Amino acid sequence: MDRSQKEQAIRLHECLDYIGLRAQATSVGLLQLCAELVAAGVLDDDAVDRIKNAIQHDITVSRARKHGQLEFETVLRQRLDAVFPKSGDPRIGIRVGTIGDMKNALEPAQA
């Protein structure tokens, strides 16, 4: 993410945090809205990818810890890809694993 994108993501994050749109209910509503729009042919995969990019940017700039950033972003993207609809299959709710699974993915590989 370049500097301009990061600054925009920080501003948007602060605004949404201020008005309280950080709740799981909002996320569930967004996922359902995306699924409905994909099923209706209004959103294509590129549009859904832009939505996921925006979410990934916000989560990335709000994460205080920078150790393991690349691995974090990779796992985060895999999870976003799992829960958002695709034009071939607009269903949502694919299993993404537990918080323990994510922590394990971020730990350095043991030799």
N, C-alpha and C. Protein backbone atom coordinates (compact mmCIF):
# COMPACT_ATOMS: atom_id res chain seq x y z
N MET A 1 0.86 -1.16 0.00
CA MET A 1 0.00 0.00 0.00
C MET A 1 0.90 1.22 0.00
N ASP A 2 0.63 2.16 -0.89
CA ASP A 2 1.47 3.35 -0.94
C ASP A 2 1.04 4.36 0.13
N ARG A 3 1.82 5.42 0.27
CA ARG A 3 1.59 6.40 1.34
C ARG A 3 0.20 7.05 1.26
N SER A 4 -0.22 7.39 0.07
CA SER A 4 -1.54 8.01 -0.11
C SER A 4 -2.66 7.06 0.31
N GLN A 5 -2.56 5.81 -0.11
CA GLN A 5 -3.56 4.82 0.27
C GLN A 5 -3.58 4.63 1.78
N LYS A 6 -2.39 4.61 2.39
CA LYS A 6 -2.30 4.42 3.84
C LYS A 6 -2.94 5.60 4.56
N GLU A 7 -2.66 6.82 4.11
CA GLU A 7 -3.26 8.01 4.73
C GLU A 7 -4.78 7.99 4.60
N GLN A 8 -5.28 7.60 3.44
CA GLN A 8 -6.73 7.52 3.24
C GLN A 8 -7.33 6.46 4.15
N ALA A 9 -6.65 5.31 4.26
CA ALA A 9 -7.15 4.23 5.11
C ALA A 9 -7.17 4.66 6.58
N ILE A 10 -6.16 5.39 7.01
CA ILE A 10 -6.12 5.87 8.40
C ILE A 10 -7.27 6.83 8.65
N ARG A 11 -7.50 7.77 7.75
CA ARG A 11 -8.61 8.73 7.92
C ARG A 11 -9.96 8.02 7.96
N LEU A 12 -10.16 7.08 7.06
CA LEU A 12 -11.42 6.34 7.04
C LEU A 12 -11.58 5.52 8.31
N HIS A 13 -10.52 4.86 8.75
CA HIS A 13 -10.56 4.07 9.99
C HIS A 13 -10.96 4.94 11.17
N GLU A 14 -10.34 6.10 11.30
CA GLU A 14 -10.65 7.00 12.41
C GLU A 14 -12.10 7.47 12.34
N CYS A 15 -12.58 7.77 11.14
CA CYS A 15 -13.97 8.22 10.98
C CYS A 15 -14.95 7.12 11.36
N LEU A 16 -14.73 5.91 10.87
CA LEU A 16 -15.64 4.81 11.19
C LEU A 16 -15.60 4.46 12.66
N ASP A 17 -14.41 4.51 13.25
CA ASP A 17 -14.27 4.24 14.68
C ASP A 17 -15.05 5.29 15.47
N TYR A 18 -14.95 6.53 15.05
CA TYR A 18 -15.63 7.63 15.74
C TYR A 18 -17.15 7.45 15.73
N ILE A 19 -17.68 7.00 14.60
CA ILE A 19 -19.15 6.87 14.53
C ILE A 19 -19.62 5.48 14.95
N GLY A 20 -18.69 4.58 15.30
CA GLY A 20 -19.07 3.29 15.87
C GLY A 20 -19.35 2.17 14.89
N LEU A 21 -18.89 2.28 13.67
CA LEU A 21 -19.15 1.23 12.68
C LEU A 21 -18.05 0.17 12.67
N ARG A 22 -17.67 -0.29 13.84
CA ARG A 22 -16.64 -1.32 13.95
C ARG A 22 -17.24 -2.65 14.40
N ALA A 23 -18.50 -2.75 14.46
CA ALA A 23 -19.17 -3.92 15.05
C ALA A 23 -19.29 -5.07 14.06
N GLN A 24 -19.39 -6.27 14.61
CA GLN A 24 -19.58 -7.46 13.78
C GLN A 24 -20.89 -7.39 13.00
N ALA A 25 -21.91 -6.79 13.58
CA ALA A 25 -23.19 -6.69 12.88
C ALA A 25 -23.04 -5.91 11.58
N THR A 26 -22.23 -4.88 11.60
CA THR A 26 -21.98 -4.10 10.39
C THR A 26 -21.27 -4.97 9.35
N SER A 27 -20.31 -5.77 9.80
CA SER A 27 -19.58 -6.65 8.89
C SER A 27 -20.51 -7.69 8.27
N VAL A 28 -21.37 -8.26 9.08
CA VAL A 28 -22.33 -9.25 8.58
C VAL A 28 -23.24 -8.60 7.54
N GLY A 29 -23.70 -7.39 7.81
CA GLY A 29 -24.53 -6.69 6.85
C GLY A 29 -23.80 -6.42 5.55
N LEU A 30 -22.53 -6.03 5.64
CA LEU A 30 -21.74 -5.78 4.44
C LEU A 30 -21.57 -7.07 3.63
N LEU A 31 -21.28 -8.17 4.30
CA LEU A 31 -21.13 -9.44 3.60
C LEU A 31 -22.42 -9.84 2.88
N GLN A 32 -23.55 -9.68 3.58
CA GLN A 32 -24.83 -10.02 2.96
C GLN A 32 -25.14 -9.10 1.79
N LEU A 33 -24.86 -7.82 1.94
CA LEU A 33 -25.08 -6.87 0.85
C LEU A 33 -24.24 -7.25 -0.37
N CYS A 34 -22.98 -7.58 -0.14
CA CYS A 34 -22.11 -7.99 -1.24
C CYS A 34 -22.64 -9.25 -1.91
N ALA A 35 -23.07 -10.22 -1.12
CA ALA A 35 -23.61 -11.46 -1.68
C ALA A 35 -24.84 -11.18 -2.53
N GLU A 36 -25.72 -10.31 -2.04
CA GLU A 36 -26.93 -9.96 -2.81
C GLU A 36 -26.56 -9.26 -4.12
N LEU A 37 -25.60 -8.34 -4.06
CA LEU A 37 -25.21 -7.59 -5.26
C LEU A 37 -24.47 -8.48 -6.26
N VAL A 38 -23.68 -9.41 -5.78
CA VAL A 38 -23.00 -10.36 -6.67
C VAL A 38 -24.03 -11.27 -7.33
N ALA A 39 -24.97 -11.79 -6.54
CA ALA A 39 -26.01 -12.68 -7.07
C ALA A 39 -26.87 -11.97 -8.12
N ALA A 40 -27.08 -10.66 -7.93
CA ALA A 40 -27.88 -9.89 -8.88
C ALA A 40 -27.07 -9.43 -10.09
N GLY A 41 -25.76 -9.68 -10.07
CA GLY A 41 -24.91 -9.29 -11.19
C GLY A 41 -24.48 -7.83 -11.16
N VAL A 42 -24.71 -7.16 -10.04
CA VAL A 42 -24.35 -5.75 -9.92
C VAL A 42 -22.86 -5.59 -9.61
N LEU A 43 -22.32 -6.47 -8.75
CA LEU A 43 -20.90 -6.45 -8.43
C LEU A 43 -20.20 -7.62 -9.12
N ASP A 44 -19.04 -7.33 -9.69
CA ASP A 44 -18.22 -8.42 -10.24
C ASP A 44 -17.07 -8.70 -9.28
N ASP A 45 -16.23 -9.67 -9.62
CA ASP A 45 -15.13 -10.05 -8.74
C ASP A 45 -14.15 -8.90 -8.51
N ASP A 46 -13.93 -8.06 -9.52
CA ASP A 46 -13.03 -6.92 -9.35
C ASP A 46 -13.57 -5.94 -8.31
N ALA A 47 -14.87 -5.71 -8.32
CA ALA A 47 -15.48 -4.81 -7.34
C ALA A 47 -15.36 -5.39 -5.93
N VAL A 48 -15.60 -6.67 -5.79
CA VAL A 48 -15.47 -7.33 -4.48
C VAL A 48 -14.02 -7.26 -4.02
N ASP A 49 -13.07 -7.44 -4.94
CA ASP A 49 -11.65 -7.32 -4.58
C ASP A 49 -11.32 -5.92 -4.07
N ARG A 50 -11.91 -4.90 -4.68
CA ARG A 50 -11.67 -3.53 -4.19
C ARG A 50 -12.24 -3.34 -2.80
N ILE A 51 -13.37 -3.95 -2.51
CA ILE A 51 -13.96 -3.89 -1.17
C ILE A 51 -13.03 -4.59 -0.18
N LYS A 52 -12.55 -5.77 -0.54
CA LYS A 52 -11.64 -6.50 0.34
C LYS A 52 -10.34 -5.73 0.55
N ASN A 53 -9.84 -5.07 -0.51
CA ASN A 53 -8.63 -4.25 -0.37
C ASN A 53 -8.84 -3.13 0.64
N ALA A 54 -9.98 -2.48 0.58
CA ALA A 54 -10.28 -1.40 1.53
C ALA A 54 -10.30 -1.91 2.96
N ILE A 55 -10.91 -3.07 3.16
CA ILE A 55 -10.97 -3.66 4.50
C ILE A 55 -9.56 -4.04 4.96
N GLN A 56 -8.80 -4.68 4.07
CA GLN A 56 -7.44 -5.08 4.42
C GLN A 56 -6.59 -3.87 4.77
N HIS A 57 -6.71 -2.79 4.02
CA HIS A 57 -5.94 -1.58 4.32
C HIS A 57 -6.29 -1.04 5.70
N ASP A 58 -7.57 -1.01 6.03
CA ASP A 58 -7.98 -0.48 7.33
C ASP A 58 -7.45 -1.34 8.47
N ILE A 59 -7.57 -2.64 8.34
CA ILE A 59 -7.08 -3.53 9.40
C ILE A 59 -5.57 -3.42 9.53
N THR A 60 -4.89 -3.31 8.41
CA THR A 60 -3.43 -3.20 8.43
C THR A 60 -2.96 -1.93 9.12
N VAL A 61 -3.59 -0.79 8.84
CA VAL A 61 -3.14 0.46 9.47
C VAL A 61 -3.55 0.54 10.92
N SER A 62 -4.54 -0.22 11.34
CA SER A 62 -4.97 -0.16 12.74
C SER A 62 -4.23 -1.17 13.61
N ARG A 63 -3.43 -2.01 13.01
CA ARG A 63 -2.68 -3.04 13.74
C ARG A 63 -1.40 -2.40 14.30
N ALA A 64 -1.27 -2.43 15.61
CA ALA A 64 -0.13 -1.79 16.27
C ALA A 64 1.16 -2.57 16.05
N ARG A 65 1.09 -3.87 16.10
CA ARG A 65 2.28 -4.71 16.00
C ARG A 65 2.73 -4.83 14.56
N LYS A 66 4.00 -4.59 14.30
CA LYS A 66 4.50 -4.67 12.92
C LYS A 66 5.28 -5.96 12.66
N HIS A 67 5.66 -6.69 13.72
CA HIS A 67 6.39 -7.95 13.53
C HIS A 67 5.48 -8.95 12.82
N GLY A 68 6.01 -9.57 11.81
CA GLY A 68 5.22 -10.55 11.07
C GLY A 68 4.15 -9.92 10.20
N GLN A 69 4.36 -8.67 9.78
CA GLN A 69 3.34 -7.93 9.02
C GLN A 69 2.96 -8.63 7.72
N LEU A 70 3.94 -9.10 6.97
CA LEU A 70 3.64 -9.74 5.69
C LEU A 70 2.81 -11.01 5.89
N GLU A 71 3.18 -11.81 6.89
CA GLU A 71 2.42 -13.03 7.16
C GLU A 71 1.00 -12.69 7.61
N PHE A 72 0.89 -11.66 8.45
CA PHE A 72 -0.42 -11.21 8.92
C PHE A 72 -1.30 -10.83 7.73
N GLU A 73 -0.74 -10.01 6.82
CA GLU A 73 -1.51 -9.56 5.66
C GLU A 73 -1.91 -10.72 4.76
N THR A 74 -1.03 -11.72 4.63
CA THR A 74 -1.33 -12.89 3.80
C THR A 74 -2.49 -13.68 4.39
N VAL A 75 -2.43 -13.96 5.69
CA VAL A 75 -3.49 -14.72 6.35
C VAL A 75 -4.80 -13.91 6.35
N LEU A 76 -4.69 -12.61 6.61
CA LEU A 76 -5.87 -11.75 6.57
C LEU A 76 -6.54 -11.81 5.21
N ARG A 77 -5.76 -11.73 4.15
CA ARG A 77 -6.34 -11.77 2.80
C ARG A 77 -7.00 -13.12 2.53
N GLN A 78 -6.38 -14.19 2.98
CA GLN A 78 -6.98 -15.52 2.79
C GLN A 78 -8.34 -15.59 3.49
N ARG A 79 -8.43 -15.01 4.66
CA ARG A 79 -9.69 -15.03 5.40
C ARG A 79 -10.73 -14.14 4.73
N LEU A 80 -10.32 -12.98 4.24
CA LEU A 80 -11.26 -12.12 3.51
C LEU A 80 -11.75 -12.83 2.25
N ASP A 81 -10.83 -13.48 1.53
CA ASP A 81 -11.22 -14.21 0.33
C ASP A 81 -12.23 -15.32 0.65
N ALA A 82 -12.08 -15.92 1.83
CA ALA A 82 -12.97 -17.02 2.20
C ALA A 82 -14.38 -16.55 2.53
N VAL A 83 -14.54 -15.37 3.11
CA VAL A 83 -15.87 -14.97 3.56
C VAL A 83 -16.64 -14.11 2.55
N PHE A 84 -15.94 -13.50 1.59
CA PHE A 84 -16.64 -12.68 0.61
C PHE A 84 -17.07 -13.52 -0.57
N PRO A 85 -18.20 -13.16 -1.19
CA PRO A 85 -18.72 -13.94 -2.32
C PRO A 85 -17.88 -13.75 -3.58
N LYS A 86 -17.97 -14.74 -4.47
CA LYS A 86 -17.36 -14.65 -5.79
C LYS A 86 -18.49 -14.76 -6.80
N SER A 87 -18.28 -14.23 -7.99
CA SER A 87 -19.37 -14.22 -8.98
C SER A 87 -19.84 -15.63 -9.32
N GLY A 88 -18.97 -16.62 -9.30
CA GLY A 88 -19.38 -18.00 -9.60
C GLY A 88 -20.15 -18.64 -8.46
N ASP A 89 -19.99 -18.10 -7.24
CA ASP A 89 -20.65 -18.66 -6.06
C ASP A 89 -20.87 -17.54 -5.05
N PRO A 90 -22.01 -16.87 -5.12
CA PRO A 90 -22.24 -15.71 -4.27
C PRO A 90 -22.58 -16.02 -2.82
N ARG A 91 -22.48 -17.31 -2.41
CA ARG A 91 -22.75 -17.64 -1.01
C ARG A 91 -21.67 -17.07 -0.12
N ILE A 92 -22.01 -16.84 1.15
CA ILE A 92 -21.05 -16.35 2.13
C ILE A 92 -21.00 -17.32 3.29
N GLY A 93 -19.99 -17.17 4.14
CA GLY A 93 -19.94 -17.95 5.36
C GLY A 93 -19.05 -19.17 5.30
N ILE A 94 -18.09 -19.22 4.41
CA ILE A 94 -17.16 -20.34 4.36
C ILE A 94 -16.31 -20.30 5.63
N ARG A 95 -15.99 -21.46 6.19
CA ARG A 95 -15.22 -21.53 7.43
C ARG A 95 -13.83 -20.92 7.21
N VAL A 96 -13.40 -20.04 8.12
CA VAL A 96 -12.10 -19.39 8.01
C VAL A 96 -11.16 -19.79 9.13
N GLY A 97 -11.59 -20.62 10.06
CA GLY A 97 -10.73 -21.05 11.14
C GLY A 97 -10.93 -20.23 12.39
N THR A 98 -10.14 -20.57 13.40
CA THR A 98 -10.24 -19.91 14.70
C THR A 98 -9.13 -18.89 14.87
N ILE A 99 -9.20 -18.13 15.95
CA ILE A 99 -8.13 -17.19 16.26
C ILE A 99 -6.84 -17.95 16.51
N GLY A 100 -6.93 -19.15 17.07
CA GLY A 100 -5.75 -19.99 17.27
C GLY A 100 -5.09 -20.36 15.94
N ASP A 101 -5.91 -20.65 14.92
CA ASP A 101 -5.37 -20.95 13.59
C ASP A 101 -4.59 -19.76 13.05
N MET A 102 -5.11 -18.56 13.27
CA MET A 102 -4.43 -17.37 12.76
C MET A 102 -3.12 -17.14 13.52
N LYS A 103 -3.15 -17.32 14.84
CA LYS A 103 -1.92 -17.16 15.63
C LYS A 103 -0.87 -18.17 15.18
N ASN A 104 -1.28 -19.41 14.94
CA ASN A 104 -0.35 -20.43 14.49
C ASN A 104 0.25 -20.07 13.12
N ALA A 105 -0.53 -19.49 12.26
CA ALA A 105 -0.05 -19.11 10.93
C ALA A 105 0.98 -17.99 11.03
N LEU A 106 0.92 -17.19 12.08
CA LEU A 106 1.83 -16.06 12.24
C LEU A 106 3.12 -16.43 12.97
N GLU A 107 3.13 -17.60 13.63
CA GLU A 107 4.33 -18.02 14.34
C GLU A 107 5.39 -18.47 13.35
N PRO A 108 6.67 -18.17 13.67
CA PRO A 108 7.75 -18.61 12.77
C PRO A 108 7.76 -20.13 12.63
N ALA A 109 8.12 -20.60 11.45
CA ALA A 109 8.17 -22.04 11.20
C ALA A 109 9.24 -22.68 12.09
N GLN A 110 8.91 -23.80 12.68
CA GLN A 110 9.84 -24.53 13.54
C GLN A 110 10.62 -25.53 12.69
N ALA A 111 11.93 -25.53 12.84
CA ALA A 111 12.76 -26.44 12.03
C ALA A 111 12.94 -27.77 12.72
